[in-house]
Amino acid sequence: MVIEVGPREVLLLWPNVICYVRAVLGAFALGLAWWPEIPMLTWVVAIYAFAMSLDFLDGYLARRWQQQSRFGAALDVVVDIAQRGGMWVLALNLPGFLFPLVELNVFACTHSSGSESWKVTCFEDAPMLVAAVTSNVFKSPCGALMVAGLHFLPLWLWLRQRTSASFPGFNLVGFLLCSGRLLGLVVEFWVLKRHVEGLLRPIDALTIRSCAHV
């Protein structure tokens, strides 16, 4: 049964509240990461990783408790991009801004057509590699690798710059995260390509010609 609720109730849905908590924790982790002298890097890693891990909880609760909303779908992606984007900039300085810029453009493309169900509707006609990543709503080996690369590669790069010590398998983890982020770029550029192709459909040309005669 679908129950209509007002804007105030939507703002206070539990999945959205978890997003607010994620945003606060992410901002705190980025503030610690930005601080020149950090006594314990583990605090940054722990808080950042915990905030990112909550991303799985809010989606689960939204589906479990039937509290999905267009606002929540957009909020979830915006919080993700803000947290990852901040870490990209800290890890790579100005060039790191390119990654959240791409993600924001993809966000605009997917939500303009798919709204809260973009994870399904936007990939119905995807080619084989993109379909392998996005199948079962990203719950696939390729999808899991891509999500890990999206969330944790900037953190790994930041750690690599901040400390010379590394745990066993540190470089292997970095390789896997880079591979996942490359898969993400494949999906992102396909989404952008498809969106541009949609903007260039013949109907747009007809509209331009009709406006020229006005």
C-alpha atoms as a PDB file:
ATOM      1  CA  MET A   1       0.000   0.000   0.000  1.00  0.00           C
ATOM      2  CA  VAL A   2       1.335   3.455  -0.947  1.00  0.00           C
ATOM      3  CA  ILE A   3       0.827   6.193   1.657  1.00  0.00           C
ATOM      4  CA  GLU A   4       1.239   9.798   0.607  1.00  0.00           C
ATOM      5  CA  VAL A   5       3.296  11.932   2.996  1.00  0.00           C
ATOM      6  CA  GLY A   6       4.169  15.601   3.069  1.00  0.00           C
ATOM      7  CA  PRO A   7       7.575  17.258   2.562  1.00  0.00           C
ATOM      8  CA  ARG A   8       8.328  17.301   6.314  1.00  0.00           C
ATOM      9  CA  GLU A   9       7.671  13.579   6.635  1.00  0.00           C
ATOM     10  CA  VAL A  10       9.867  12.861   3.575  1.00  0.00           C
ATOM     11  CA  LEU A  11      12.724  14.837   5.127  1.00  0.00           C
ATOM     12  CA  LEU A  12      12.480  12.716   8.269  1.00  0.00           C
ATOM     13  CA  LEU A  13      12.237   9.278   6.672  1.00  0.00           C
ATOM     14  CA  TRP A  14      14.787   6.995   8.300  1.00  0.00           C
ATOM     15  CA  PRO A  15      16.849   6.385   5.124  1.00  0.00           C
ATOM     16  CA  ASN A  16      17.161  10.167   4.705  1.00  0.00           C
ATOM     17  CA  VAL A  17      18.119  10.619   8.361  1.00  0.00           C
ATOM     18  CA  ILE A  18      20.910   8.082   7.818  1.00  0.00           C
ATOM     19  CA  CYS A  19      22.044  10.160   4.827  1.00  0.00           C
ATOM     20  CA  TYR A  20      22.273  13.213   7.088  1.00  0.00           C
ATOM     21  CA  VAL A  21      24.386  11.200   9.548  1.00  0.00           C
ATOM     22  CA  ARG A  22      26.601  10.053   6.665  1.00  0.00           C
ATOM     23  CA  ALA A  23      27.059  13.658   5.557  1.00  0.00           C
ATOM     24  CA  VAL A  24      28.110  14.786   9.040  1.00  0.00           C
ATOM     25  CA  LEU A  25      30.494  11.851   9.541  1.00  0.00           C
ATOM     26  CA  GLY A  26      31.947  12.328   6.059  1.00  0.00           C
ATOM     27  CA  ALA A  27      32.542  16.033   6.672  1.00  0.00           C
ATOM     28  CA  PHE A  28      34.218  15.217   9.996  1.00  0.00           C
ATOM     29  CA  ALA A  29      36.485  12.616   8.363  1.00  0.00           C
ATOM     30  CA  LEU A  30      37.442  15.072   5.597  1.00  0.00           C
ATOM     31  CA  GLY A  31      38.173  17.741   8.202  1.00  0.00           C
ATOM     32  CA  LEU A  32      40.532  15.380  10.013  1.00  0.00           C
ATOM     33  CA  ALA A  33      42.136  14.355   6.709  1.00  0.00           C
ATOM     34  CA  TRP A  34      42.694  18.010   5.777  1.00  0.00           C
ATOM     35  CA  TRP A  35      44.377  18.815   9.099  1.00  0.00           C
ATOM     36  CA  PRO A  36      48.159  19.029   8.535  1.00  0.00           C
ATOM     37  CA  GLU A  37      49.187  16.931  11.534  1.00  0.00           C
ATOM     38  CA  ILE A  38      47.079  13.871  12.299  1.00  0.00           C
ATOM     39  CA  PRO A  39      48.123  11.799  15.328  1.00  0.00           C
ATOM     40  CA  MET A  40      46.281   8.718  14.118  1.00  0.00           C
ATOM     41  CA  LEU A  41      45.409   8.073  10.468  1.00  0.00           C
ATOM     42  CA  THR A  42      43.213   5.203  11.598  1.00  0.00           C
ATOM     43  CA  TRP A  43      40.572   7.692  12.788  1.00  0.00           C
ATOM     44  CA  VAL A  44      40.203   9.125   9.295  1.00  0.00           C
ATOM     45  CA  VAL A  45      40.050   5.655   7.746  1.00  0.00           C
ATOM     46  CA  ALA A  46      37.572   4.354  10.325  1.00  0.00           C
ATOM     47  CA  ILE A  47      35.168   7.323  10.174  1.00  0.00           C
ATOM     48  CA  TYR A  48      35.329   7.630   6.378  1.00  0.00           C
ATOM     49  CA  ALA A  49      34.823   3.882   5.878  1.00  0.00           C
ATOM     50  CA  PHE A  50      31.957   3.789   8.402  1.00  0.00           C
ATOM     51  CA  ALA A  51      30.220   6.734   6.731  1.00  0.00           C
ATOM     52  CA  MET A  52      30.549   5.077   3.318  1.00  0.00           C
ATOM     53  CA  SER A  53      29.340   1.746   4.711  1.00  0.00           C
ATOM     54  CA  LEU A  54      26.113   3.427   5.865  1.00  0.00           C
ATOM     55  CA  ASP A  55      25.375   3.936   2.160  1.00  0.00           C
ATOM     56  CA  PHE A  56      24.340   0.284   2.002  1.00  0.00           C
ATOM     57  CA  LEU A  57      22.137   0.597   5.107  1.00  0.00           C
ATOM     58  CA  ASP A  58      20.017   3.538   3.931  1.00  0.00           C
ATOM     59  CA  GLY A  59      19.247   1.822   0.621  1.00  0.00           C
ATOM     60  CA  TYR A  60      18.358  -1.418   2.382  1.00  0.00           C
ATOM     61  CA  LEU A  61      16.025   0.318   4.828  1.00  0.00           C
ATOM     62  CA  ALA A  62      14.389   2.341   2.048  1.00  0.00           C
ATOM     63  CA  ARG A  63      13.478  -0.874   0.236  1.00  0.00           C
ATOM     64  CA  ARG A  64      12.714  -2.876   3.387  1.00  0.00           C
ATOM     65  CA  TRP A  65      10.431  -0.270   4.945  1.00  0.00           C
ATOM     66  CA  GLN A  66       9.083   1.036   1.608  1.00  0.00           C
ATOM     67  CA  GLN A  67      10.414   4.517   2.342  1.00  0.00           C
ATOM     68  CA  GLN A  68      11.819   5.248  -1.110  1.00  0.00           C
ATOM     69  CA  SER A  69      11.453   8.809  -2.359  1.00  0.00           C
ATOM     70  CA  ARG A  70      12.787  10.986  -5.162  1.00  0.00           C
ATOM     71  CA  PHE A  71      14.348  13.290  -2.577  1.00  0.00           C
ATOM     72  CA  GLY A  72      16.073  10.360  -0.883  1.00  0.00           C
ATOM     73  CA  ALA A  73      17.372   8.958  -4.167  1.00  0.00           C
ATOM     74  CA  ALA A  74      18.946  12.308  -5.046  1.00  0.00           C
ATOM     75  CA  LEU A  75      20.206  12.974  -1.505  1.00  0.00           C
ATOM     76  CA  ASP A  76      21.948   9.586  -1.398  1.00  0.00           C
ATOM     77  CA  VAL A  77      23.969  10.323  -4.552  1.00  0.00           C
ATOM     78  CA  VAL A  78      24.766  13.922  -3.572  1.00  0.00           C
ATOM     79  CA  VAL A  79      26.158  12.827  -0.180  1.00  0.00           C
ATOM     80  CA  ASP A  80      28.215  10.086  -1.863  1.00  0.00           C
ATOM     81  CA  ILE A  81      29.707  12.475  -4.406  1.00  0.00           C
ATOM     82  CA  ALA A  82      30.423  15.182  -1.814  1.00  0.00           C
ATOM     83  CA  GLN A  83      32.267  12.764   0.457  1.00  0.00           C
ATOM     84  CA  ARG A  84      34.200  11.040  -2.318  1.00  0.00           C
ATOM     85  CA  GLY A  85      34.850  14.355  -4.050  1.00  0.00           C
ATOM     86  CA  GLY A  86      36.345  15.877  -0.920  1.00  0.00           C
ATOM     87  CA  MET A  87      38.717  12.941  -0.549  1.00  0.00           C
ATOM     88  CA  TRP A  88      39.654  13.090  -4.254  1.00  0.00           C
ATOM     89  CA  VAL A  89      40.640  16.737  -3.875  1.00  0.00           C
ATOM     90  CA  LEU A  90      42.640  16.010  -0.711  1.00  0.00           C
ATOM     91  CA  ALA A  91      44.398  13.084  -2.403  1.00  0.00           C
ATOM     92  CA  LEU A  92      45.181  14.684  -5.782  1.00  0.00           C
ATOM     93  CA  ASN A  93      44.729  18.414  -5.103  1.00  0.00           C
ATOM     94  CA  LEU A  94      43.030  20.256  -7.984  1.00  0.00           C
ATOM     95  CA  PRO A  95      43.109  17.363 -10.555  1.00  0.00           C
ATOM     96  CA  GLY A  96      41.043  15.336  -8.101  1.00  0.00           C
ATOM     97  CA  PHE A  97      38.118  17.652  -8.792  1.00  0.00           C
ATOM     98  CA  LEU A  98      37.707  16.051 -12.224  1.00  0.00           C
ATOM     99  CA  PHE A  99      36.293  12.845 -10.716  1.00  0.00           C
ATOM    100  CA  PRO A 100      33.403  14.437  -8.756  1.00  0.00           C
ATOM    101  CA  LEU A 101      32.769  16.657 -11.794  1.00  0.00           C
ATOM    102  CA  VAL A 102      32.211  13.567 -13.953  1.00  0.00           C
ATOM    103  CA  GLU A 103      30.074  11.979 -11.227  1.00  0.00           C
ATOM    104  CA  LEU A 104      27.902  15.089 -10.918  1.00  0.00           C
ATOM    105  CA  ASN A 105      27.283  15.130 -14.667  1.00  0.00           C
ATOM    106  CA  VAL A 106      26.363  11.441 -14.621  1.00  0.00           C
ATOM    107  CA  PHE A 107      24.076  12.119 -11.655  1.00  0.00           C
ATOM    108  CA  ALA A 108      22.271  14.809 -13.659  1.00  0.00           C
ATOM    109  CA  CYS A 109      21.898  12.467 -16.650  1.00  0.00           C
ATOM    110  CA  THR A 110      20.616   9.448 -14.715  1.00  0.00           C
ATOM    111  CA  HIS A 111      18.196  11.304 -12.461  1.00  0.00           C
ATOM    112  CA  SER A 112      16.775  13.368 -15.299  1.00  0.00           C
ATOM    113  CA  SER A 113      15.439  10.163 -16.844  1.00  0.00           C
ATOM    114  CA  GLY A 114      15.334   7.523 -14.135  1.00  0.00           C
ATOM    115  CA  SER A 115      14.581   9.482 -10.946  1.00  0.00           C
ATOM    116  CA  GLU A 116      14.633   7.147  -7.924  1.00  0.00           C
ATOM    117  CA  SER A 117      14.630   4.020 -10.120  1.00  0.00           C
ATOM    118  CA  TRP A 118      17.631   5.116 -12.205  1.00  0.00           C
ATOM    119  CA  LYS A 119      19.659   2.015 -11.250  1.00  0.00           C
ATOM    120  CA  VAL A 120      17.212  -0.101 -13.256  1.00  0.00           C
ATOM    121  CA  THR A 121      15.754   2.096 -15.978  1.00  0.00           C
ATOM    122  CA  CYS A 122      18.992   3.743 -17.105  1.00  0.00           C
ATOM    123  CA  PHE A 123      20.738   0.482 -18.022  1.00  0.00           C
ATOM    124  CA  GLU A 124      18.043  -1.516 -19.819  1.00  0.00           C
ATOM    125  CA  ASP A 125      19.815  -1.191 -23.181  1.00  0.00           C
ATOM    126  CA  ALA A 126      23.397  -1.245 -21.873  1.00  0.00           C
ATOM    127  CA  PRO A 127      26.220  -3.029 -23.764  1.00  0.00           C
ATOM    128  CA  MET A 128      27.730  -6.204 -22.341  1.00  0.00           C
ATOM    129  CA  LEU A 129      30.427  -4.732 -20.074  1.00  0.00           C
ATOM    130  CA  VAL A 130      28.150  -2.018 -18.676  1.00  0.00           C
ATOM    131  CA  ALA A 131      25.407  -4.616 -18.158  1.00  0.00           C
ATOM    132  CA  ALA A 132      27.850  -6.875 -16.288  1.00  0.00           C
ATOM    133  CA  VAL A 133      28.616  -4.023 -13.883  1.00  0.00           C
ATOM    134  CA  THR A 134      25.033  -2.815 -13.407  1.00  0.00           C
ATOM    135  CA  SER A 135      23.198  -6.161 -13.405  1.00  0.00           C
ATOM    136  CA  ASN A 136      21.037  -6.952 -10.365  1.00  0.00           C
ATOM    137  CA  VAL A 137      21.270  -3.286  -9.301  1.00  0.00           C
ATOM    138  CA  PHE A 138      25.094  -3.413  -9.058  1.00  0.00           C
ATOM    139  CA  LYS A 139      24.906  -6.565  -6.884  1.00  0.00           C
ATOM    140  CA  SER A 140      27.365  -8.522  -9.016  1.00  0.00           C
ATOM    141  CA  PRO A 141      31.135  -9.173  -8.819  1.00  0.00           C
ATOM    142  CA  CYS A 142      31.851  -6.384 -11.326  1.00  0.00           C
ATOM    143  CA  GLY A 143      29.330  -4.112  -9.627  1.00  0.00           C
ATOM    144  CA  ALA A 144      30.848  -4.701  -6.186  1.00  0.00           C
ATOM    145  CA  LEU A 145      34.326  -3.996  -7.556  1.00  0.00           C
ATOM    146  CA  MET A 146      33.090  -0.788  -9.154  1.00  0.00           C
ATOM    147  CA  VAL A 147      31.362   0.428  -5.976  1.00  0.00           C
ATOM    148  CA  ALA A 148      34.500  -0.336  -3.929  1.00  0.00           C
ATOM    149  CA  GLY A 149      36.601   1.655  -6.395  1.00  0.00           C
ATOM    150  CA  LEU A 150      34.159   4.573  -6.315  1.00  0.00           C
ATOM    151  CA  HIS A 151      34.054   4.782  -2.532  1.00  0.00           C
ATOM    152  CA  PHE A 152      37.529   3.816  -1.403  1.00  0.00           C
ATOM    153  CA  LEU A 153      40.107   4.592  -4.137  1.00  0.00           C
ATOM    154  CA  PRO A 154      40.398   8.263  -3.073  1.00  0.00           C
ATOM    155  CA  LEU A 155      40.931   7.137   0.531  1.00  0.00           C
ATOM    156  CA  TRP A 156      43.637   4.683  -0.607  1.00  0.00           C
ATOM    157  CA  LEU A 157      45.394   7.410  -2.625  1.00  0.00           C
ATOM    158  CA  TRP A 158      45.256   9.776   0.338  1.00  0.00           C
ATOM    159  CA  LEU A 159      46.733   7.104   2.618  1.00  0.00           C
ATOM    160  CA  ARG A 160      49.479   6.363   0.088  1.00  0.00           C
ATOM    161  CA  GLN A 161      50.528  10.012   0.196  1.00  0.00           C
ATOM    162  CA  ARG A 162      50.303  10.429   3.959  1.00  0.00           C
ATOM    163  CA  THR A 163      52.256   7.393   5.145  1.00  0.00           C
ATOM    164  CA  SER A 164      55.158   5.288   3.942  1.00  0.00           C
ATOM    165  CA  ALA A 165      53.993   2.309   5.984  1.00  0.00           C
ATOM    166  CA  SER A 166      51.622  -0.104   4.341  1.00  0.00           C
ATOM    167  CA  PHE A 167      49.938  -3.307   5.387  1.00  0.00           C
ATOM    168  CA  PRO A 168      50.487  -6.579   3.485  1.00  0.00           C
ATOM    169  CA  GLY A 169      48.533  -6.451   0.245  1.00  0.00           C
ATOM    170  CA  PHE A 170      48.279  -2.635   0.277  1.00  0.00           C
ATOM    171  CA  ASN A 171      49.361  -2.357  -3.366  1.00  0.00           C
ATOM    172  CA  LEU A 172      47.052  -5.225  -4.374  1.00  0.00           C
ATOM    173  CA  VAL A 173      44.125  -3.412  -2.750  1.00  0.00           C
ATOM    174  CA  GLY A 174      45.108  -0.302  -4.705  1.00  0.00           C
ATOM    175  CA  PHE A 175      45.199  -2.250  -7.962  1.00  0.00           C
ATOM    176  CA  LEU A 176      41.726  -3.677  -7.317  1.00  0.00           C
ATOM    177  CA  LEU A 177      40.335  -0.263  -6.393  1.00  0.00           C
ATOM    178  CA  CYS A 178      41.854   1.282  -9.544  1.00  0.00           C
ATOM    179  CA  SER A 179      40.300  -1.517 -11.606  1.00  0.00           C
ATOM    180  CA  GLY A 180      36.921  -0.846 -10.013  1.00  0.00           C
ATOM    181  CA  ARG A 181      37.174   2.886 -10.660  1.00  0.00           C
ATOM    182  CA  LEU A 182      38.053   2.218 -14.311  1.00  0.00           C
ATOM    183  CA  LEU A 183      34.922   0.086 -14.580  1.00  0.00           C
ATOM    184  CA  GLY A 184      33.038   3.024 -13.111  1.00  0.00           C
ATOM    185  CA  LEU A 185      34.470   5.349 -15.752  1.00  0.00           C
ATOM    186  CA  VAL A 186      33.325   2.940 -18.486  1.00  0.00           C
ATOM    187  CA  VAL A 187      29.781   3.055 -17.101  1.00  0.00           C
ATOM    188  CA  GLU A 188      29.879   6.824 -16.559  1.00  0.00           C
ATOM    189  CA  PHE A 189      31.097   7.650 -20.051  1.00  0.00           C
ATOM    190  CA  TRP A 190      28.487   5.316 -21.550  1.00  0.00           C
ATOM    191  CA  VAL A 191      25.766   7.148 -19.601  1.00  0.00           C
ATOM    192  CA  LEU A 192      27.087  10.517 -20.778  1.00  0.00           C
ATOM    193  CA  LYS A 193      27.350   9.276 -24.370  1.00  0.00           C
ATOM    194  CA  ARG A 194      23.786   7.960 -24.355  1.00  0.00           C
ATOM    195  CA  HIS A 195      22.468  11.179 -22.841  1.00  0.00           C
ATOM    196  CA  VAL A 196      24.214  13.326 -25.480  1.00  0.00           C
ATOM    197  CA  GLU A 197      22.890  11.066 -28.227  1.00  0.00           C
ATOM    198  CA  GLY A 198      19.400  11.600 -26.817  1.00  0.00           C
ATOM    199  CA  LEU A 199      19.899  15.357 -26.934  1.00  0.00           C
ATOM    200  CA  LEU A 200      20.917  15.077 -30.588  1.00  0.00           C
ATOM    201  CA  ARG A 201      17.875  13.094 -31.732  1.00  0.00           C
ATOM    202  CA  PRO A 202      16.132  14.322 -34.922  1.00  0.00           C
ATOM    203  CA  ILE A 203      13.278  15.819 -32.926  1.00  0.00           C
ATOM    204  CA  ASP A 204      15.708  18.393 -31.533  1.00  0.00           C
ATOM    205  CA  ALA A 205      16.776  19.348 -35.041  1.00  0.00           C
ATOM    206  CA  LEU A 206      13.125  19.749 -36.039  1.00  0.00           C
ATOM    207  CA  THR A 207      12.533  21.959 -33.010  1.00  0.00           C
ATOM    208  CA  ILE A 208      15.496  24.151 -33.956  1.00  0.00           C
ATOM    209  CA  ARG A 209      14.204  24.498 -37.529  1.00  0.00           C
ATOM    210  CA  SER A 210      10.707  25.391 -36.338  1.00  0.00           C
ATOM    211  CA  CYS A 211      12.086  28.023 -33.954  1.00  0.00           C
ATOM    212  CA  ALA A 212      14.103  29.506 -36.793  1.00  0.00           C
ATOM    213  CA  HIS A 213      10.881  30.169 -38.718  1.00  0.00           C
ATOM    214  CA  VAL A 214       9.189  31.947 -35.840  1.00  0.00           C
END
